[in-house]
Amino acid sequence: MKKLLISAFMLALASLPQLSFAWGADGHQTVGAIAENLLAGSKAGIQVRALLGTNTLEKVAVWGDCVKGIAPEKDFTYTSTGRYPECASFETTAGIDAMADYVKRNNTNCNPAFDEENCHKQYHYVNVALQHEHYKSGYVGTSDHDIVNAIRAAVAVLQDKPQPKPFNFKDKQEALTLLTHYVGDLHQPLHVGSIFLNADGKIVNPDEGQYDRGSTTVGGNALQCPCGNLHALWDDLPQQFKRGRMNEALTKKARAIAPANATIEELPALWANDAIRDAKQLFAGTQFSKSTPNQRGNSWSIALPLEYEKTMLNMKESALARAGAHLAQLLKSIWPE
């Protein structure tokens, strides 16, 4: 079988700094900007402005990742000052205090297992095996504090309803800020769909038989290609999308997306299903092998098919437009006309 060739474009990505932001800051800000455009003149748009004041959905969209700069092991100090320009506006004394307060409330409240991240970081994703067509609670990789439930919790706060445990969102402003980020994350396919591999690099279903914790690829973070980490590759946006260059075109595309015919409670799972579908597509034609023969644990090599960057470009454009449209739909459902 023909082994894959990596294009010069993808090899060049290996030299770029890998950001910890899903979609990169540009992607999250793009989702916020699209939603704001779609909310213009609506009751929901007015409510958003009342909650955010001088901020915007575009600006606060990255806050959910900026708070990752708070280090619980260092007495909840902020360790990322000056590292990410998009976080600079939150790096005041009051802003850092707000980030630390959020992390303190959402650090160990989910009782993380020995090999899991602290809780607020787990709110950003779910790892549903690609053998499934739909998100369903109880599957390996789901939890009561995964991204689907995080969106539901943020919506509950905005609706003046009790938020489910273990979430602890302080108020509507914080809930709106996080909702904006989570909806963006939900549309990055590797934040939802995941592939599980055995020691030989063969795809396995973790929901059949006894689950081997060493089989998870952690949303593609454990998959390495010549272009770097697969998850980071999908987080990054093509240059033509960055700094808002495509916002007008993506907004036009988002306007054409019909609202889903579902209840507000059903919407996050429905959109997670779409992300699983996208994840299946992004893994089509890929091949896997252990990074080191006989090695156990989360490290595999992945070979990608020809013209893979073209597949990524098309999928990312569609996903960003859908994310903006879906965020606007959620907010209009919370504050209908």
C-alpha atoms as a PDB file:
ATOM      1  CA  MET A   1       0.000   0.000   0.000  1.00  0.00           C
ATOM      2  CA  LYS A   2       1.250   3.445  -0.914  1.00  0.00           C
ATOM      3  CA  LYS A   3       2.579   5.365   2.071  1.00  0.00           C
ATOM      4  CA  LEU A   4       1.460   8.867   2.448  1.00  0.00           C
ATOM      5  CA  LEU A   5       3.269  11.930   1.275  1.00  0.00           C
ATOM      6  CA  ILE A   6       3.119  15.032   3.454  1.00  0.00           C
ATOM      7  CA  SER A   7       2.880  18.231   1.460  1.00  0.00           C
ATOM      8  CA  ALA A   8       5.288  21.114   1.939  1.00  0.00           C
ATOM      9  CA  PHE A   9       2.427  23.046   3.523  1.00  0.00           C
ATOM     10  CA  MET A  10       1.981  20.503   6.279  1.00  0.00           C
ATOM     11  CA  LEU A  11       5.700  20.104   6.866  1.00  0.00           C
ATOM     12  CA  ALA A  12       5.968  23.851   7.314  1.00  0.00           C
ATOM     13  CA  LEU A  13       3.439  23.646  10.106  1.00  0.00           C
ATOM     14  CA  ALA A  14       5.899  21.633  12.146  1.00  0.00           C
ATOM     15  CA  SER A  15       8.007  24.761  12.591  1.00  0.00           C
ATOM     16  CA  LEU A  16       5.117  26.836  13.946  1.00  0.00           C
ATOM     17  CA  PRO A  17       4.603  27.203  17.691  1.00  0.00           C
ATOM     18  CA  GLN A  18       1.853  24.878  18.868  1.00  0.00           C
ATOM     19  CA  LEU A  19      -0.837  26.753  20.777  1.00  0.00           C
ATOM     20  CA  SER A  20      -2.869  25.248  23.573  1.00  0.00           C
ATOM     21  CA  PHE A  21      -6.033  26.831  22.248  1.00  0.00           C
ATOM     22  CA  ALA A  22      -8.588  24.749  20.392  1.00  0.00           C
ATOM     23  CA  TRP A  23      -8.925  26.379  16.981  1.00  0.00           C
ATOM     24  CA  GLY A  24      -6.232  28.798  18.109  1.00  0.00           C
ATOM     25  CA  ALA A  25      -7.286  32.205  19.367  1.00  0.00           C
ATOM     26  CA  ASP A  26      -8.200  33.196  15.817  1.00  0.00           C
ATOM     27  CA  GLY A  27     -10.689  30.358  15.543  1.00  0.00           C
ATOM     28  CA  HIS A  28     -12.453  31.069  18.821  1.00  0.00           C
ATOM     29  CA  GLN A  29     -12.580  34.782  18.059  1.00  0.00           C
ATOM     30  CA  THR A  30     -13.973  34.020  14.616  1.00  0.00           C
ATOM     31  CA  VAL A  31     -16.817  31.993  16.154  1.00  0.00           C
ATOM     32  CA  GLY A  32     -17.615  34.844  18.544  1.00  0.00           C
ATOM     33  CA  ALA A  33     -17.537  37.419  15.744  1.00  0.00           C
ATOM     34  CA  ILE A  34     -19.850  35.366  13.514  1.00  0.00           C
ATOM     35  CA  ALA A  35     -22.372  34.978  16.339  1.00  0.00           C
ATOM     36  CA  GLU A  36     -22.277  38.709  17.077  1.00  0.00           C
ATOM     37  CA  ASN A  37     -22.984  39.485  13.436  1.00  0.00           C
ATOM     38  CA  LEU A  38     -25.972  37.135  13.478  1.00  0.00           C
ATOM     39  CA  LEU A  39     -27.276  38.627  16.742  1.00  0.00           C
ATOM     40  CA  ALA A  40     -27.188  42.233  15.538  1.00  0.00           C
ATOM     41  CA  GLY A  41     -30.493  43.972  16.275  1.00  0.00           C
ATOM     42  CA  SER A  42     -31.943  41.034  18.220  1.00  0.00           C
ATOM     43  CA  LYS A  43     -33.059  40.814  21.848  1.00  0.00           C
ATOM     44  CA  ALA A  44     -30.296  38.269  22.422  1.00  0.00           C
ATOM     45  CA  GLY A  45     -27.742  40.714  21.067  1.00  0.00           C
ATOM     46  CA  ILE A  46     -28.949  43.350  23.512  1.00  0.00           C
ATOM     47  CA  GLN A  47     -28.707  40.896  26.414  1.00  0.00           C
ATOM     48  CA  VAL A  48     -25.179  39.912  25.387  1.00  0.00           C
ATOM     49  CA  ARG A  49     -24.060  43.548  25.364  1.00  0.00           C
ATOM     50  CA  ALA A  50     -25.670  44.139  28.768  1.00  0.00           C
ATOM     51  CA  LEU A  51     -23.742  41.209  30.264  1.00  0.00           C
ATOM     52  CA  LEU A  52     -20.384  41.862  28.628  1.00  0.00           C
ATOM     53  CA  GLY A  53     -20.294  45.649  28.826  1.00  0.00           C
ATOM     54  CA  THR A  54     -17.326  46.919  26.822  1.00  0.00           C
ATOM     55  CA  ASN A  55     -16.290  43.367  25.946  1.00  0.00           C
ATOM     56  CA  THR A  56     -17.606  41.362  22.990  1.00  0.00           C
ATOM     57  CA  LEU A  57     -18.171  37.695  22.248  1.00  0.00           C
ATOM     58  CA  GLU A  58     -15.174  37.871  19.929  1.00  0.00           C
ATOM     59  CA  LYS A  59     -12.922  39.192  22.700  1.00  0.00           C
ATOM     60  CA  VAL A  60     -14.053  36.889  25.523  1.00  0.00           C
ATOM     61  CA  ALA A  61     -14.113  33.761  23.349  1.00  0.00           C
ATOM     62  CA  VAL A  62     -10.544  32.872  24.406  1.00  0.00           C
ATOM     63  CA  TRP A  63     -11.038  33.343  28.180  1.00  0.00           C
ATOM     64  CA  GLY A  64     -11.830  29.662  28.732  1.00  0.00           C
ATOM     65  CA  ASP A  65      -8.285  28.831  27.581  1.00  0.00           C
ATOM     66  CA  CYS A  66      -6.562  31.854  29.120  1.00  0.00           C
ATOM     67  CA  VAL A  67      -7.566  30.534  32.560  1.00  0.00           C
ATOM     68  CA  LYS A  68      -5.351  27.507  31.881  1.00  0.00           C
ATOM     69  CA  GLY A  69      -2.494  29.829  32.789  1.00  0.00           C
ATOM     70  CA  ILE A  70      -3.590  29.578  36.430  1.00  0.00           C
ATOM     71  CA  ALA A  71      -1.395  26.966  38.189  1.00  0.00           C
ATOM     72  CA  PRO A  72      -3.100  25.266  41.154  1.00  0.00           C
ATOM     73  CA  GLU A  73       0.207  23.663  42.127  1.00  0.00           C
ATOM     74  CA  LYS A  74       1.698  27.188  42.487  1.00  0.00           C
ATOM     75  CA  ASP A  75      -0.988  28.514  44.817  1.00  0.00           C
ATOM     76  CA  PHE A  76      -3.225  29.436  41.864  1.00  0.00           C
ATOM     77  CA  THR A  77      -0.818  31.998  40.456  1.00  0.00           C
ATOM     78  CA  TYR A  78      -1.001  33.043  36.808  1.00  0.00           C
ATOM     79  CA  THR A  79       1.981  31.731  34.861  1.00  0.00           C
ATOM     80  CA  SER A  80       1.299  32.888  31.290  1.00  0.00           C
ATOM     81  CA  THR A  81       1.734  36.669  31.498  1.00  0.00           C
ATOM     82  CA  GLY A  82       2.789  37.991  28.096  1.00  0.00           C
ATOM     83  CA  ARG A  83       2.721  34.572  26.457  1.00  0.00           C
ATOM     84  CA  TYR A  84      -0.531  34.932  24.522  1.00  0.00           C
ATOM     85  CA  PRO A  85      -1.440  38.388  23.146  1.00  0.00           C
ATOM     86  CA  GLU A  86      -5.134  37.471  23.064  1.00  0.00           C
ATOM     87  CA  CYS A  87      -5.081  37.038  26.863  1.00  0.00           C
ATOM     88  CA  ALA A  88      -3.410  40.393  27.558  1.00  0.00           C
ATOM     89  CA  SER A  89      -6.645  42.220  28.385  1.00  0.00           C
ATOM     90  CA  PHE A  90      -7.359  39.680  31.148  1.00  0.00           C
ATOM     91  CA  GLU A  91      -3.899  40.024  32.697  1.00  0.00           C
ATOM     92  CA  THR A  92      -4.746  42.901  35.017  1.00  0.00           C
ATOM     93  CA  THR A  93      -4.795  42.369  38.773  1.00  0.00           C
ATOM     94  CA  ALA A  94      -8.595  42.109  38.758  1.00  0.00           C
ATOM     95  CA  GLY A  95      -8.568  39.913  35.664  1.00  0.00           C
ATOM     96  CA  ILE A  96      -6.053  37.469  37.085  1.00  0.00           C
ATOM     97  CA  ASP A  97      -7.999  37.336  40.354  1.00  0.00           C
ATOM     98  CA  ALA A  98     -11.136  36.461  38.361  1.00  0.00           C
ATOM     99  CA  MET A  99      -9.334  33.683  36.493  1.00  0.00           C
ATOM    100  CA  ALA A 100      -7.876  32.274  39.705  1.00  0.00           C
ATOM    101  CA  ASP A 101     -11.268  32.384  41.395  1.00  0.00           C
ATOM    102  CA  TYR A 102     -12.821  30.415  38.540  1.00  0.00           C
ATOM    103  CA  VAL A 103     -10.105  27.754  38.600  1.00  0.00           C
ATOM    104  CA  LYS A 104     -10.368  27.391  42.391  1.00  0.00           C
ATOM    105  CA  ARG A 105     -14.103  26.726  42.038  1.00  0.00           C
ATOM    106  CA  ASN A 106     -13.581  24.251  39.198  1.00  0.00           C
ATOM    107  CA  ASN A 107     -10.302  22.548  40.036  1.00  0.00           C
ATOM    108  CA  THR A 108     -11.078  19.250  41.798  1.00  0.00           C
ATOM    109  CA  ASN A 109     -14.864  19.511  42.112  1.00  0.00           C
ATOM    110  CA  CYS A 110     -15.300  16.680  39.582  1.00  0.00           C
ATOM    111  CA  ASN A 111     -13.049  14.339  41.592  1.00  0.00           C
ATOM    112  CA  PRO A 112     -10.567  13.742  38.754  1.00  0.00           C
ATOM    113  CA  ALA A 113      -8.919  10.345  38.462  1.00  0.00           C
ATOM    114  CA  PHE A 114      -5.168  10.036  38.999  1.00  0.00           C
ATOM    115  CA  ASP A 115      -4.451  10.354  35.262  1.00  0.00           C
ATOM    116  CA  GLU A 116      -6.986  13.095  34.446  1.00  0.00           C
ATOM    117  CA  GLU A 117      -6.639  16.846  34.072  1.00  0.00           C
ATOM    118  CA  ASN A 118      -8.069  19.223  36.627  1.00  0.00           C
ATOM    119  CA  CYS A 119     -11.776  19.682  36.185  1.00  0.00           C
ATOM    120  CA  HIS A 120     -12.193  22.918  34.250  1.00  0.00           C
ATOM    121  CA  LYS A 121      -9.885  21.590  31.538  1.00  0.00           C
ATOM    122  CA  GLN A 122     -12.107  18.525  31.149  1.00  0.00           C
ATOM    123  CA  TYR A 123     -15.094  20.781  30.419  1.00  0.00           C
ATOM    124  CA  HIS A 124     -13.639  21.445  26.948  1.00  0.00           C
ATOM    125  CA  TYR A 125     -14.005  18.022  25.350  1.00  0.00           C
ATOM    126  CA  VAL A 126     -15.446  14.530  25.210  1.00  0.00           C
ATOM    127  CA  ASN A 127     -13.787  11.482  23.651  1.00  0.00           C
ATOM    128  CA  VAL A 128     -16.452   9.371  21.920  1.00  0.00           C
ATOM    129  CA  ALA A 129     -15.143   6.389  19.975  1.00  0.00           C
ATOM    130  CA  LEU A 130     -15.633   6.642  16.224  1.00  0.00           C
ATOM    131  CA  GLN A 131     -17.500   3.332  16.137  1.00  0.00           C
ATOM    132  CA  HIS A 132     -20.489   5.304  17.453  1.00  0.00           C
ATOM    133  CA  GLU A 133     -22.740   7.544  15.411  1.00  0.00           C
ATOM    134  CA  HIS A 134     -24.033   9.582  18.341  1.00  0.00           C
ATOM    135  CA  TYR A 135     -22.996  11.069  21.641  1.00  0.00           C
ATOM    136  CA  LYS A 136     -24.457   9.080  24.512  1.00  0.00           C
ATOM    137  CA  SER A 137     -23.839   9.391  28.234  1.00  0.00           C
ATOM    138  CA  GLY A 138     -22.128   6.280  29.569  1.00  0.00           C
ATOM    139  CA  TYR A 139     -19.806   5.727  26.620  1.00  0.00           C
ATOM    140  CA  VAL A 140     -16.107   5.626  27.430  1.00  0.00           C
ATOM    141  CA  GLY A 141     -14.839   9.195  27.193  1.00  0.00           C
ATOM    142  CA  THR A 142     -18.094  10.825  28.330  1.00  0.00           C
ATOM    143  CA  SER A 143     -18.794  12.174  31.807  1.00  0.00           C
ATOM    144  CA  ASP A 144     -21.162  14.401  33.730  1.00  0.00           C
ATOM    145  CA  HIS A 145     -18.659  17.215  33.205  1.00  0.00           C
ATOM    146  CA  ASP A 146     -17.776  16.785  29.525  1.00  0.00           C
ATOM    147  CA  ILE A 147     -18.280  19.498  26.935  1.00  0.00           C
ATOM    148  CA  VAL A 148     -21.888  18.595  26.170  1.00  0.00           C
ATOM    149  CA  ASN A 149     -22.814  18.921  29.821  1.00  0.00           C
ATOM    150  CA  ALA A 150     -20.662  22.034  30.223  1.00  0.00           C
ATOM    151  CA  ILE A 151     -22.705  23.771  27.522  1.00  0.00           C
ATOM    152  CA  ARG A 152     -25.925  22.661  29.180  1.00  0.00           C
ATOM    153  CA  ALA A 153     -24.706  23.991  32.531  1.00  0.00           C
ATOM    154  CA  ALA A 154     -23.766  27.391  31.084  1.00  0.00           C
ATOM    155  CA  VAL A 155     -27.155  27.625  29.365  1.00  0.00           C
ATOM    156  CA  ALA A 156     -28.902  26.794  32.655  1.00  0.00           C
ATOM    157  CA  VAL A 157     -27.169  29.709  34.393  1.00  0.00           C
ATOM    158  CA  LEU A 158     -28.208  32.066  31.596  1.00  0.00           C
ATOM    159  CA  GLN A 159     -31.796  30.805  31.946  1.00  0.00           C
ATOM    160  CA  ASP A 160     -31.809  31.456  35.725  1.00  0.00           C
ATOM    161  CA  LYS A 161     -31.948  27.724  36.386  1.00  0.00           C
ATOM    162  CA  PRO A 162     -29.809  25.721  38.841  1.00  0.00           C
ATOM    163  CA  GLN A 163     -26.559  24.536  37.296  1.00  0.00           C
ATOM    164  CA  PRO A 164     -25.802  20.832  37.662  1.00  0.00           C
ATOM    165  CA  LYS A 165     -22.843  19.620  39.657  1.00  0.00           C
ATOM    166  CA  PRO A 166     -19.906  19.632  39.396  1.00  0.00           C
ATOM    167  CA  PHE A 167     -19.992  22.918  37.475  1.00  0.00           C
ATOM    168  CA  ASN A 168     -19.529  26.131  39.423  1.00  0.00           C
ATOM    169  CA  PHE A 169     -20.059  29.145  37.191  1.00  0.00           C
ATOM    170  CA  LYS A 170     -20.178  32.332  39.252  1.00  0.00           C
ATOM    171  CA  ASP A 171     -22.716  34.363  37.301  1.00  0.00           C
ATOM    172  CA  LYS A 172     -24.257  34.989  33.892  1.00  0.00           C
ATOM    173  CA  GLN A 173     -21.266  36.896  32.596  1.00  0.00           C
ATOM    174  CA  GLU A 174     -18.922  34.013  33.359  1.00  0.00           C
ATOM    175  CA  ALA A 175     -21.403  31.490  31.956  1.00  0.00           C
ATOM    176  CA  LEU A 176     -21.778  33.458  28.701  1.00  0.00           C
ATOM    177  CA  THR A 177     -18.014  33.810  28.370  1.00  0.00           C
ATOM    178  CA  LEU A 178     -17.509  30.079  28.799  1.00  0.00           C
ATOM    179  CA  LEU A 179     -20.469  29.134  26.603  1.00  0.00           C
ATOM    180  CA  THR A 180     -18.922  31.119  23.758  1.00  0.00           C
ATOM    181  CA  HIS A 181     -15.710  29.155  24.135  1.00  0.00           C
ATOM    182  CA  TYR A 182     -17.298  25.723  24.597  1.00  0.00           C
ATOM    183  CA  VAL A 183     -19.471  26.029  21.489  1.00  0.00           C
ATOM    184  CA  GLY A 184     -16.306  26.722  19.522  1.00  0.00           C
ATOM    185  CA  ASP A 185     -14.608  23.684  21.065  1.00  0.00           C
ATOM    186  CA  LEU A 186     -17.607  21.475  20.299  1.00  0.00           C
ATOM    187  CA  HIS A 187     -17.105  22.092  16.578  1.00  0.00           C
ATOM    188  CA  GLN A 188     -13.437  21.087  16.547  1.00  0.00           C
ATOM    189  CA  PRO A 189     -13.883  17.409  15.602  1.00  0.00           C
ATOM    190  CA  LEU A 190     -11.063  16.126  17.810  1.00  0.00           C
ATOM    191  CA  HIS A 191     -12.704  17.702  20.857  1.00  0.00           C
ATOM    192  CA  VAL A 192     -15.536  15.190  20.434  1.00  0.00           C
ATOM    193  CA  GLY A 193     -14.648  12.170  18.294  1.00  0.00           C
ATOM    194  CA  SER A 194     -11.654  10.039  19.212  1.00  0.00           C
ATOM    195  CA  ILE A 195      -9.938   6.927  17.972  1.00  0.00           C
ATOM    196  CA  PHE A 196      -8.781   4.140  20.293  1.00  0.00           C
ATOM    197  CA  LEU A 197      -5.847   1.886  19.350  1.00  0.00           C
ATOM    198  CA  ASN A 198      -4.404  -1.312  20.755  1.00  0.00           C
ATOM    199  CA  ALA A 199      -0.697  -2.002  21.225  1.00  0.00           C
ATOM    200  CA  ASP A 200      -0.378  -2.948  17.541  1.00  0.00           C
ATOM    201  CA  GLY A 201      -1.972   0.248  16.303  1.00  0.00           C
ATOM    202  CA  LYS A 202      -5.246  -1.489  15.427  1.00  0.00           C
ATOM    203  CA  ILE A 203      -8.505   0.376  15.972  1.00  0.00           C
ATOM    204  CA  VAL A 204     -10.551  -0.956  18.886  1.00  0.00           C
ATOM    205  CA  ASN A 205     -13.929  -0.123  20.384  1.00  0.00           C
ATOM    206  CA  PRO A 206     -13.446   0.803  24.055  1.00  0.00           C
ATOM    207  CA  ASP A 207     -17.115   0.119  24.750  1.00  0.00           C
ATOM    208  CA  GLU A 208     -16.779  -3.562  23.849  1.00  0.00           C
ATOM    209  CA  GLY A 209     -15.169  -5.858  26.389  1.00  0.00           C
ATOM    210  CA  GLN A 210     -12.860  -4.499  29.068  1.00  0.00           C
ATOM    211  CA  TYR A 211     -11.640  -0.964  28.466  1.00  0.00           C
ATOM    212  CA  ASP A 212      -7.851  -0.591  28.265  1.00  0.00           C
ATOM    213  CA  ARG A 213      -6.994   2.944  29.442  1.00  0.00           C
ATOM    214  CA  GLY A 214      -3.808   2.748  27.391  1.00  0.00           C
ATOM    215  CA  SER A 215      -5.807   2.637  24.154  1.00  0.00           C
ATOM    216  CA  THR A 216      -6.994   6.248  24.170  1.00  0.00           C
ATOM    217  CA  THR A 217      -5.366   8.682  21.751  1.00  0.00           C
ATOM    218  CA  VAL A 218      -6.697  11.594  23.834  1.00  0.00           C
ATOM    219  CA  GLY A 219      -8.508  13.319  21.011  1.00  0.00           C
ATOM    220  CA  GLY A 220      -5.544  12.934  18.670  1.00  0.00           C
ATOM    221  CA  ASN A 221      -3.016  14.374  21.133  1.00  0.00           C
ATOM    222  CA  ALA A 222      -1.220  11.011  21.225  1.00  0.00           C
ATOM    223  CA  LEU A 223      -0.945  10.806  17.425  1.00  0.00           C
ATOM    224  CA  GLN A 224       2.227  12.129  15.820  1.00  0.00           C
ATOM    225  CA  CYS A 225       2.856  12.830  12.148  1.00  0.00           C
ATOM    226  CA  PRO A 226       5.750  14.631  10.381  1.00  0.00           C
ATOM    227  CA  CYS A 227       3.686  17.804  10.753  1.00  0.00           C
ATOM    228  CA  GLY A 228       3.561  17.412  14.546  1.00  0.00           C
ATOM    229  CA  ASN A 229       0.730  16.564  16.904  1.00  0.00           C
ATOM    230  CA  LEU A 230      -2.526  15.762  15.074  1.00  0.00           C
ATOM    231  CA  HIS A 231      -4.745  17.571  17.581  1.00  0.00           C
ATOM    232  CA  ALA A 232      -2.605  20.721  17.388  1.00  0.00           C
ATOM    233  CA  LEU A 233      -2.703  20.518  13.590  1.00  0.00           C
ATOM    234  CA  TRP A 234      -6.487  20.650  13.715  1.00  0.00           C
ATOM    235  CA  ASP A 235      -6.495  23.466  16.285  1.00  0.00           C
ATOM    236  CA  ASP A 236      -4.557  25.732  13.946  1.00  0.00           C
ATOM    237  CA  LEU A 237      -6.271  27.811  11.278  1.00  0.00           C
ATOM    238  CA  PRO A 238      -4.996  28.403   7.745  1.00  0.00           C
ATOM    239  CA  GLN A 239      -3.395  31.818   7.335  1.00  0.00           C
ATOM    240  CA  GLN A 240      -6.261  33.142   5.205  1.00  0.00           C
ATOM    241  CA  PHE A 241      -8.669  32.690   8.151  1.00  0.00           C
ATOM    242  CA  LYS A 242      -6.567  34.507  10.718  1.00  0.00           C
ATOM    243  CA  ARG A 243      -7.101  37.999  12.157  1.00  0.00           C
ATOM    244  CA  GLY A 244     -10.722  38.036  11.027  1.00  0.00           C
ATOM    245  CA  ARG A 245      -9.983  37.980   7.305  1.00  0.00           C
ATOM    246  CA  MET A 246     -12.764  35.489   6.587  1.00  0.00           C
ATOM    247  CA  ASN A 247     -15.369  36.726   9.072  1.00  0.00           C
ATOM    248  CA  GLU A 248     -17.596  38.359   6.454  1.00  0.00           C
ATOM    249  CA  ALA A 249     -17.591  35.294   4.184  1.00  0.00           C
ATOM    250  CA  LEU A 250     -18.104  32.920   7.097  1.00  0.00           C
ATOM    251  CA  THR A 251     -20.962  35.045   8.454  1.00  0.00           C
ATOM    252  CA  LYS A 252     -22.654  34.837   5.066  1.00  0.00           C
ATOM    253  CA  LYS A 253     -22.253  31.074   5.128  1.00  0.00           C
ATOM    254  CA  ALA A 254     -23.552  30.925   8.708  1.00  0.00           C
ATOM    255  CA  ARG A 255     -26.692  32.881   7.813  1.00  0.00           C
ATOM    256  CA  ALA A 256     -27.621  30.115   5.390  1.00  0.00           C
ATOM    257  CA  ILE A 257     -27.553  27.454   8.113  1.00  0.00           C
ATOM    258  CA  ALA A 258     -31.081  26.605   9.200  1.00  0.00           C
ATOM    259  CA  PRO A 259     -31.659  26.425  12.972  1.00  0.00           C
ATOM    260  CA  ALA A 260     -31.879  22.861  14.256  1.00  0.00           C
ATOM    261  CA  ASN A 261     -35.368  21.668  15.117  1.00  0.00           C
ATOM    262  CA  ALA A 262     -34.597  20.531  18.660  1.00  0.00           C
ATOM    263  CA  THR A 263     -34.990  21.691  22.235  1.00  0.00           C
ATOM    264  CA  ILE A 264     -32.235  23.774  23.789  1.00  0.00           C
ATOM    265  CA  GLU A 265     -31.368  20.797  26.002  1.00  0.00           C
ATOM    266  CA  GLU A 266     -30.940  18.549  22.952  1.00  0.00           C
ATOM    267  CA  LEU A 267     -28.825  20.927  20.866  1.00  0.00           C
ATOM    268  CA  PRO A 268     -25.355  20.261  22.372  1.00  0.00           C
ATOM    269  CA  ALA A 269     -25.654  16.491  21.846  1.00  0.00           C
ATOM    270  CA  LEU A 270     -27.017  17.030  18.331  1.00  0.00           C
ATOM    271  CA  TRP A 271     -24.001  19.161  17.438  1.00  0.00           C
ATOM    272  CA  ALA A 272     -21.677  16.655  19.098  1.00  0.00           C
ATOM    273  CA  ASN A 273     -23.092  14.069  16.668  1.00  0.00           C
ATOM    274  CA  ASP A 274     -22.024  16.323  13.792  1.00  0.00           C
ATOM    275  CA  ALA A 275     -18.520  16.542  15.257  1.00  0.00           C
ATOM    276  CA  ILE A 276     -18.322  12.740  15.489  1.00  0.00           C
ATOM    277  CA  ARG A 277     -19.260  12.590  11.819  1.00  0.00           C
ATOM    278  CA  ASP A 278     -16.504  15.101  11.023  1.00  0.00           C
ATOM    279  CA  ALA A 279     -14.000  13.106  13.082  1.00  0.00           C
ATOM    280  CA  LYS A 280     -14.807   9.979  11.088  1.00  0.00           C
ATOM    281  CA  GLN A 281     -14.040  11.939   7.924  1.00  0.00           C
ATOM    282  CA  LEU A 282     -10.734  13.340   9.178  1.00  0.00           C
ATOM    283  CA  PHE A 283      -9.507   9.840  10.052  1.00  0.00           C
ATOM    284  CA  ALA A 284     -10.499   8.385   6.664  1.00  0.00           C
ATOM    285  CA  GLY A 285      -7.499   6.840   4.903  1.00  0.00           C
ATOM    286  CA  THR A 286      -5.135   7.214   7.860  1.00  0.00           C
ATOM    287  CA  GLN A 287      -2.797   4.473   9.108  1.00  0.00           C
ATOM    288  CA  PHE A 288      -1.343   3.941  12.587  1.00  0.00           C
ATOM    289  CA  SER A 289       1.731   2.367  14.154  1.00  0.00           C
ATOM    290  CA  LYS A 290       3.391   2.499  17.536  1.00  0.00           C
ATOM    291  CA  SER A 291       5.927   5.315  17.832  1.00  0.00           C
ATOM    292  CA  THR A 292       8.270   2.839  19.545  1.00  0.00           C
ATOM    293  CA  PRO A 293       7.855  -0.941  18.963  1.00  0.00           C
ATOM    294  CA  ASN A 294       6.413  -2.788  21.965  1.00  0.00           C
ATOM    295  CA  GLN A 295       5.772   0.524  23.743  1.00  0.00           C
ATOM    296  CA  ARG A 296       2.668   0.702  25.901  1.00  0.00           C
ATOM    297  CA  GLY A 297       0.768   3.883  26.519  1.00  0.00           C
ATOM    298  CA  ASN A 298      -0.473   6.833  24.540  1.00  0.00           C
ATOM    299  CA  SER A 299       1.970   7.334  21.687  1.00  0.00           C
ATOM    300  CA  TRP A 300       1.376   6.348  18.079  1.00  0.00           C
ATOM    301  CA  SER A 301       2.494   7.500  14.649  1.00  0.00           C
ATOM    302  CA  ILE A 302      -0.175   8.405  12.104  1.00  0.00           C
ATOM    303  CA  ALA A 303       0.211   8.450   8.323  1.00  0.00           C
ATOM    304  CA  LEU A 304      -2.101  10.856   6.510  1.00  0.00           C
ATOM    305  CA  PRO A 305      -3.485  10.534   2.971  1.00  0.00           C
ATOM    306  CA  LEU A 306      -2.586  12.748   0.058  1.00  0.00           C
ATOM    307  CA  GLU A 307      -4.179  16.201  -0.091  1.00  0.00           C
ATOM    308  CA  TYR A 308      -5.053  16.000   3.592  1.00  0.00           C
ATOM    309  CA  GLU A 309      -4.650  19.764   4.033  1.00  0.00           C
ATOM    310  CA  LYS A 310      -7.432  20.307   1.485  1.00  0.00           C
ATOM    311  CA  THR A 311      -9.737  18.107   3.564  1.00  0.00           C
ATOM    312  CA  MET A 312      -8.803  20.106   6.664  1.00  0.00           C
ATOM    313  CA  LEU A 313      -9.403  23.456   4.988  1.00  0.00           C
ATOM    314  CA  ASN A 314     -12.896  22.530   3.834  1.00  0.00           C
ATOM    315  CA  MET A 315     -13.865  20.966   7.154  1.00  0.00           C
ATOM    316  CA  LYS A 316     -12.549  23.850   9.230  1.00  0.00           C
ATOM    317  CA  GLU A 317     -14.390  26.428   7.134  1.00  0.00           C
ATOM    318  CA  SER A 318     -17.655  24.513   7.514  1.00  0.00           C
ATOM    319  CA  ALA A 319     -17.133  23.918  11.227  1.00  0.00           C
ATOM    320  CA  LEU A 320     -16.388  27.574  12.026  1.00  0.00           C
ATOM    321  CA  ALA A 321     -19.487  28.759  10.184  1.00  0.00           C
ATOM    322  CA  ARG A 322     -21.639  26.179  11.959  1.00  0.00           C
ATOM    323  CA  ALA A 323     -20.161  27.071  15.342  1.00  0.00           C
ATOM    324  CA  GLY A 324     -21.015  30.750  14.903  1.00  0.00           C
ATOM    325  CA  ALA A 325     -24.517  29.929  13.686  1.00  0.00           C
ATOM    326  CA  HIS A 326     -25.110  27.492  16.524  1.00  0.00           C
ATOM    327  CA  LEU A 327     -23.876  29.894  19.201  1.00  0.00           C
ATOM    328  CA  ALA A 328     -26.279  32.493  17.860  1.00  0.00           C
ATOM    329  CA  GLN A 329     -29.119  29.941  17.851  1.00  0.00           C
ATOM    330  CA  LEU A 330     -28.453  29.038  21.479  1.00  0.00           C
ATOM    331  CA  LEU A 331     -28.441  32.669  22.576  1.00  0.00           C
ATOM    332  CA  LYS A 332     -31.602  33.457  20.632  1.00  0.00           C
ATOM    333  CA  SER A 333     -33.247  30.428  22.260  1.00  0.00           C
ATOM    334  CA  ILE A 334     -32.246  31.723  25.703  1.00  0.00           C
ATOM    335  CA  TRP A 335     -33.509  35.242  24.906  1.00  0.00           C
ATOM    336  CA  PRO A 336     -36.182  34.856  22.207  1.00  0.00           C
ATOM    337  CA  GLU A 337     -37.784  37.832  20.508  1.00  0.00           C
END
